[in-house]
């Protein structure tokens, strides 16, 4: 299996930077999915509670069911807060890793690569001037 997407292994800092960006993007997508799905679930349970209380007369079974739906809603909200906090931690870790990777890539690797390219250009210019 040949993948068109290759992981940069030539420089560890480049890997850190891209891995951090992957964590950032994944946490943003995860937060969006969790918020959307939990909101849909909460709304559906509120609709069920509203349909039970619609006629104004609630028997014991309907009251227990309504209370159970309220507990489920509270559980969904608590879970959403926990998952949101977890994804925020992943986002921050990704930001730190990415910033660390980009800064070190720029300082330690890219500057040397730029110097090397400048030397190669100078060497080529000298070769061209010597041929003329």
C-alpha atoms as a PDB file:
ATOM      1  CA  UNK A   1       0.000   0.000   0.000  1.00  0.00           C
ATOM      2  CA  UNK A   2       1.559   3.268  -1.143  1.00  0.00           C
ATOM      3  CA  UNK A   3       0.319   6.367   0.633  1.00  0.00           C
ATOM      4  CA  UNK A   4       0.462   9.746  -1.072  1.00  0.00           C
ATOM      5  CA  UNK A   5       0.737  11.386   2.349  1.00  0.00           C
ATOM      6  CA  UNK A   6       4.179  10.847   3.823  1.00  0.00           C
ATOM      7  CA  UNK A   7       5.162  11.669   7.389  1.00  0.00           C
ATOM      8  CA  UNK A   8       8.196  13.954   7.583  1.00  0.00           C
ATOM      9  CA  UNK A   9      10.940  11.956   9.208  1.00  0.00           C
ATOM     10  CA  UNK A  10      13.886  14.047   8.068  1.00  0.00           C
ATOM     11  CA  UNK A  11      13.572  16.383  11.041  1.00  0.00           C
ATOM     12  CA  UNK A  12      12.097  15.676  14.475  1.00  0.00           C
ATOM     13  CA  UNK A  13      11.051  19.303  14.930  1.00  0.00           C
ATOM     14  CA  UNK A  14       9.087  19.213  11.697  1.00  0.00           C
ATOM     15  CA  UNK A  15       7.368  16.089  12.983  1.00  0.00           C
ATOM     16  CA  UNK A  16       6.562  17.845  16.280  1.00  0.00           C
ATOM     17  CA  UNK A  17       5.111  20.811  14.435  1.00  0.00           C
ATOM     18  CA  UNK A  18       2.893  18.700  12.186  1.00  0.00           C
ATOM     19  CA  UNK A  19       1.866  16.343  14.995  1.00  0.00           C
ATOM     20  CA  UNK A  20       0.895  19.349  17.126  1.00  0.00           C
ATOM     21  CA  UNK A  21      -1.186  20.726  14.258  1.00  0.00           C
ATOM     22  CA  UNK A  22      -2.887  17.346  13.899  1.00  0.00           C
ATOM     23  CA  UNK A  23      -3.793  17.438  17.598  1.00  0.00           C
ATOM     24  CA  UNK A  24      -5.148  20.972  17.224  1.00  0.00           C
ATOM     25  CA  UNK A  25      -7.311  20.087  14.249  1.00  0.00           C
ATOM     26  CA  UNK A  26      -8.520  16.830  15.816  1.00  0.00           C
ATOM     27  CA  UNK A  27      -9.530  18.559  19.048  1.00  0.00           C
ATOM     28  CA  UNK A  28     -11.448  21.248  17.173  1.00  0.00           C
ATOM     29  CA  UNK A  29     -13.300  18.649  15.091  1.00  0.00           C
ATOM     30  CA  UNK A  30     -13.943  16.520  18.191  1.00  0.00           C
ATOM     31  CA  UNK A  31     -15.340  19.485  20.106  1.00  0.00           C
ATOM     32  CA  UNK A  32     -17.652  20.327  17.231  1.00  0.00           C
ATOM     33  CA  UNK A  33     -18.926  16.756  17.006  1.00  0.00           C
ATOM     34  CA  UNK A  34     -19.444  16.424  20.770  1.00  0.00           C
ATOM     35  CA  UNK A  35     -21.268  19.741  21.090  1.00  0.00           C
ATOM     36  CA  UNK A  36     -23.534  19.006  18.139  1.00  0.00           C
ATOM     37  CA  UNK A  37     -24.427  15.465  19.179  1.00  0.00           C
ATOM     38  CA  UNK A  38     -24.982  16.322  22.842  1.00  0.00           C
ATOM     39  CA  UNK A  39     -27.177  19.288  21.926  1.00  0.00           C
ATOM     40  CA  UNK A  40     -29.253  17.059  19.664  1.00  0.00           C
ATOM     41  CA  UNK A  41     -29.655  14.495  22.430  1.00  0.00           C
ATOM     42  CA  UNK A  42     -30.600  17.123  25.035  1.00  0.00           C
ATOM     43  CA  UNK A  43     -33.182  18.635  22.696  1.00  0.00           C
ATOM     44  CA  UNK A  44     -34.705  15.217  21.965  1.00  0.00           C
ATOM     45  CA  UNK A  45     -35.057  14.470  25.689  1.00  0.00           C
ATOM     46  CA  UNK A  46     -36.570  17.895  26.351  1.00  0.00           C
ATOM     47  CA  UNK A  47     -39.060  17.209  23.584  1.00  0.00           C
ATOM     48  CA  UNK A  48     -39.931  13.879  25.229  1.00  0.00           C
ATOM     49  CA  UNK A  49     -40.412  15.625  28.593  1.00  0.00           C
ATOM     50  CA  UNK A  50     -42.563  18.287  26.953  1.00  0.00           C
ATOM     51  CA  UNK A  51     -44.709  15.652  25.247  1.00  0.00           C
ATOM     52  CA  UNK A  52     -45.252  13.913  28.605  1.00  0.00           C
ATOM     53  CA  UNK A  53     -46.327  17.171  30.271  1.00  0.00           C
ATOM     54  CA  UNK A  54     -48.316  18.339  27.276  1.00  0.00           C
ATOM     55  CA  UNK A  55     -51.786  17.377  28.501  1.00  0.00           C
ATOM     56  CA  UNK A  56     -51.123  18.603  32.051  1.00  0.00           C
ATOM     57  CA  UNK A  57     -52.045  15.313  33.702  1.00  0.00           C
ATOM     58  CA  UNK A  58     -49.052  13.209  34.674  1.00  0.00           C
ATOM     59  CA  UNK A  59     -49.369   9.778  36.256  1.00  0.00           C
ATOM     60  CA  UNK A  60     -46.661   8.158  38.361  1.00  0.00           C
ATOM     61  CA  UNK A  61     -45.103   6.293  35.454  1.00  0.00           C
ATOM     62  CA  UNK A  62     -44.894   9.459  33.375  1.00  0.00           C
ATOM     63  CA  UNK A  63     -43.437  11.363  36.348  1.00  0.00           C
ATOM     64  CA  UNK A  64     -40.753   8.694  36.822  1.00  0.00           C
ATOM     65  CA  UNK A  65     -40.018   8.731  33.112  1.00  0.00           C
ATOM     66  CA  UNK A  66     -39.803  12.530  33.133  1.00  0.00           C
ATOM     67  CA  UNK A  67     -37.433  12.438  36.117  1.00  0.00           C
ATOM     68  CA  UNK A  68     -35.324   9.806  34.354  1.00  0.00           C
ATOM     69  CA  UNK A  69     -35.131  12.011  31.248  1.00  0.00           C
ATOM     70  CA  UNK A  70     -33.983  14.909  33.446  1.00  0.00           C
ATOM     71  CA  UNK A  71     -31.242  12.703  34.900  1.00  0.00           C
ATOM     72  CA  UNK A  72     -30.166  11.678  31.415  1.00  0.00           C
ATOM     73  CA  UNK A  73     -30.017  15.341  30.384  1.00  0.00           C
ATOM     74  CA  UNK A  74     -27.851  16.168  33.387  1.00  0.00           C
ATOM     75  CA  UNK A  75     -25.571  13.236  32.556  1.00  0.00           C
ATOM     76  CA  UNK A  76     -25.238  14.418  28.955  1.00  0.00           C
ATOM     77  CA  UNK A  77     -24.370  17.940  30.130  1.00  0.00           C
ATOM     78  CA  UNK A  78     -21.808  16.600  32.629  1.00  0.00           C
ATOM     79  CA  UNK A  79     -20.269  14.358  29.973  1.00  0.00           C
ATOM     80  CA  UNK A  80     -20.113  17.277  27.537  1.00  0.00           C
ATOM     81  CA  UNK A  81     -18.238  19.359  30.121  1.00  0.00           C
ATOM     82  CA  UNK A  82     -15.781  16.516  30.780  1.00  0.00           C
ATOM     83  CA  UNK A  83     -15.175  15.852  27.092  1.00  0.00           C
ATOM     84  CA  UNK A  84     -14.857  19.565  26.440  1.00  0.00           C
ATOM     85  CA  UNK A  85     -12.226  19.856  29.151  1.00  0.00           C
ATOM     86  CA  UNK A  86     -10.382  16.827  27.789  1.00  0.00           C
ATOM     87  CA  UNK A  87     -10.399  18.248  24.289  1.00  0.00           C
ATOM     88  CA  UNK A  88      -9.218  21.617  25.607  1.00  0.00           C
ATOM     89  CA  UNK A  89      -6.272  19.833  27.247  1.00  0.00           C
ATOM     90  CA  UNK A  90      -5.504  18.065  23.961  1.00  0.00           C
ATOM     91  CA  UNK A  91      -5.781  21.407  22.148  1.00  0.00           C
ATOM     92  CA  UNK A  92      -3.320  23.042  24.551  1.00  0.00           C
ATOM     93  CA  UNK A  93      -0.897  20.121  24.354  1.00  0.00           C
ATOM     94  CA  UNK A  94      -1.104  20.265  20.572  1.00  0.00           C
ATOM     95  CA  UNK A  95      -0.486  24.020  20.599  1.00  0.00           C
ATOM     96  CA  UNK A  96       2.547  23.635  22.859  1.00  0.00           C
ATOM     97  CA  UNK A  97       4.015  20.791  20.795  1.00  0.00           C
ATOM     98  CA  UNK A  98       3.359  22.640  17.562  1.00  0.00           C
ATOM     99  CA  UNK A  99       4.879  25.910  18.769  1.00  0.00           C
ATOM    100  CA  UNK A 100       7.895  24.037  20.165  1.00  0.00           C
ATOM    101  CA  UNK A 101       8.335  22.215  16.867  1.00  0.00           C
ATOM    102  CA  UNK A 102       7.972  25.274  14.654  1.00  0.00           C
ATOM    103  CA  UNK A 103      10.301  27.446  16.763  1.00  0.00           C
ATOM    104  CA  UNK A 104      13.022  24.805  16.952  1.00  0.00           C
ATOM    105  CA  UNK A 105      12.596  23.893  13.297  1.00  0.00           C
ATOM    106  CA  UNK A 106      13.052  27.530  12.345  1.00  0.00           C
ATOM    107  CA  UNK A 107      15.956  28.227  14.706  1.00  0.00           C
ATOM    108  CA  UNK A 108      17.954  25.024  14.594  1.00  0.00           C
ATOM    109  CA  UNK A 109      17.255  23.510  11.208  1.00  0.00           C
ATOM    110  CA  UNK A 110      15.850  25.995   8.752  1.00  0.00           C
ATOM    111  CA  UNK A 111      18.507  28.658   9.415  1.00  0.00           C
ATOM    112  CA  UNK A 112      21.266  26.121   8.659  1.00  0.00           C
ATOM    113  CA  UNK A 113      19.453  25.034   5.539  1.00  0.00           C
ATOM    114  CA  UNK A 114      19.144  28.663   4.412  1.00  0.00           C
ATOM    115  CA  UNK A 115      22.872  29.212   5.036  1.00  0.00           C
ATOM    116  CA  UNK A 116      23.655  26.099   3.011  1.00  0.00           C
ATOM    117  CA  UNK A 117      21.515  27.337   0.122  1.00  0.00           C
ATOM    118  CA  UNK A 118      23.238  30.735   0.252  1.00  0.00           C
ATOM    119  CA  UNK A 119      26.642  29.022   0.090  1.00  0.00           C
ATOM    120  CA  UNK A 120      25.513  26.893  -2.836  1.00  0.00           C
ATOM    121  CA  UNK A 121      24.295  29.990  -4.684  1.00  0.00           C
ATOM    122  CA  UNK A 122      27.597  31.758  -4.047  1.00  0.00           C
ATOM    123  CA  UNK A 123      29.506  28.692  -5.242  1.00  0.00           C
ATOM    124  CA  UNK A 124      27.424  28.497  -8.416  1.00  0.00           C
ATOM    125  CA  UNK A 125      27.944  32.202  -9.092  1.00  0.00           C
ATOM    126  CA  UNK A 126      31.715  31.736  -8.729  1.00  0.00           C
ATOM    127  CA  UNK A 127      31.634  28.777 -11.106  1.00  0.00           C
ATOM    128  CA  UNK A 128      29.668  30.794 -13.647  1.00  0.00           C
ATOM    129  CA  UNK A 129      32.012  33.769 -13.375  1.00  0.00           C
ATOM    130  CA  UNK A 130      35.072  31.497 -13.789  1.00  0.00           C
ATOM    131  CA  UNK A 131      33.616  29.953 -16.970  1.00  0.00           C
ATOM    132  CA  UNK A 132      33.091  33.399 -18.500  1.00  0.00           C
END
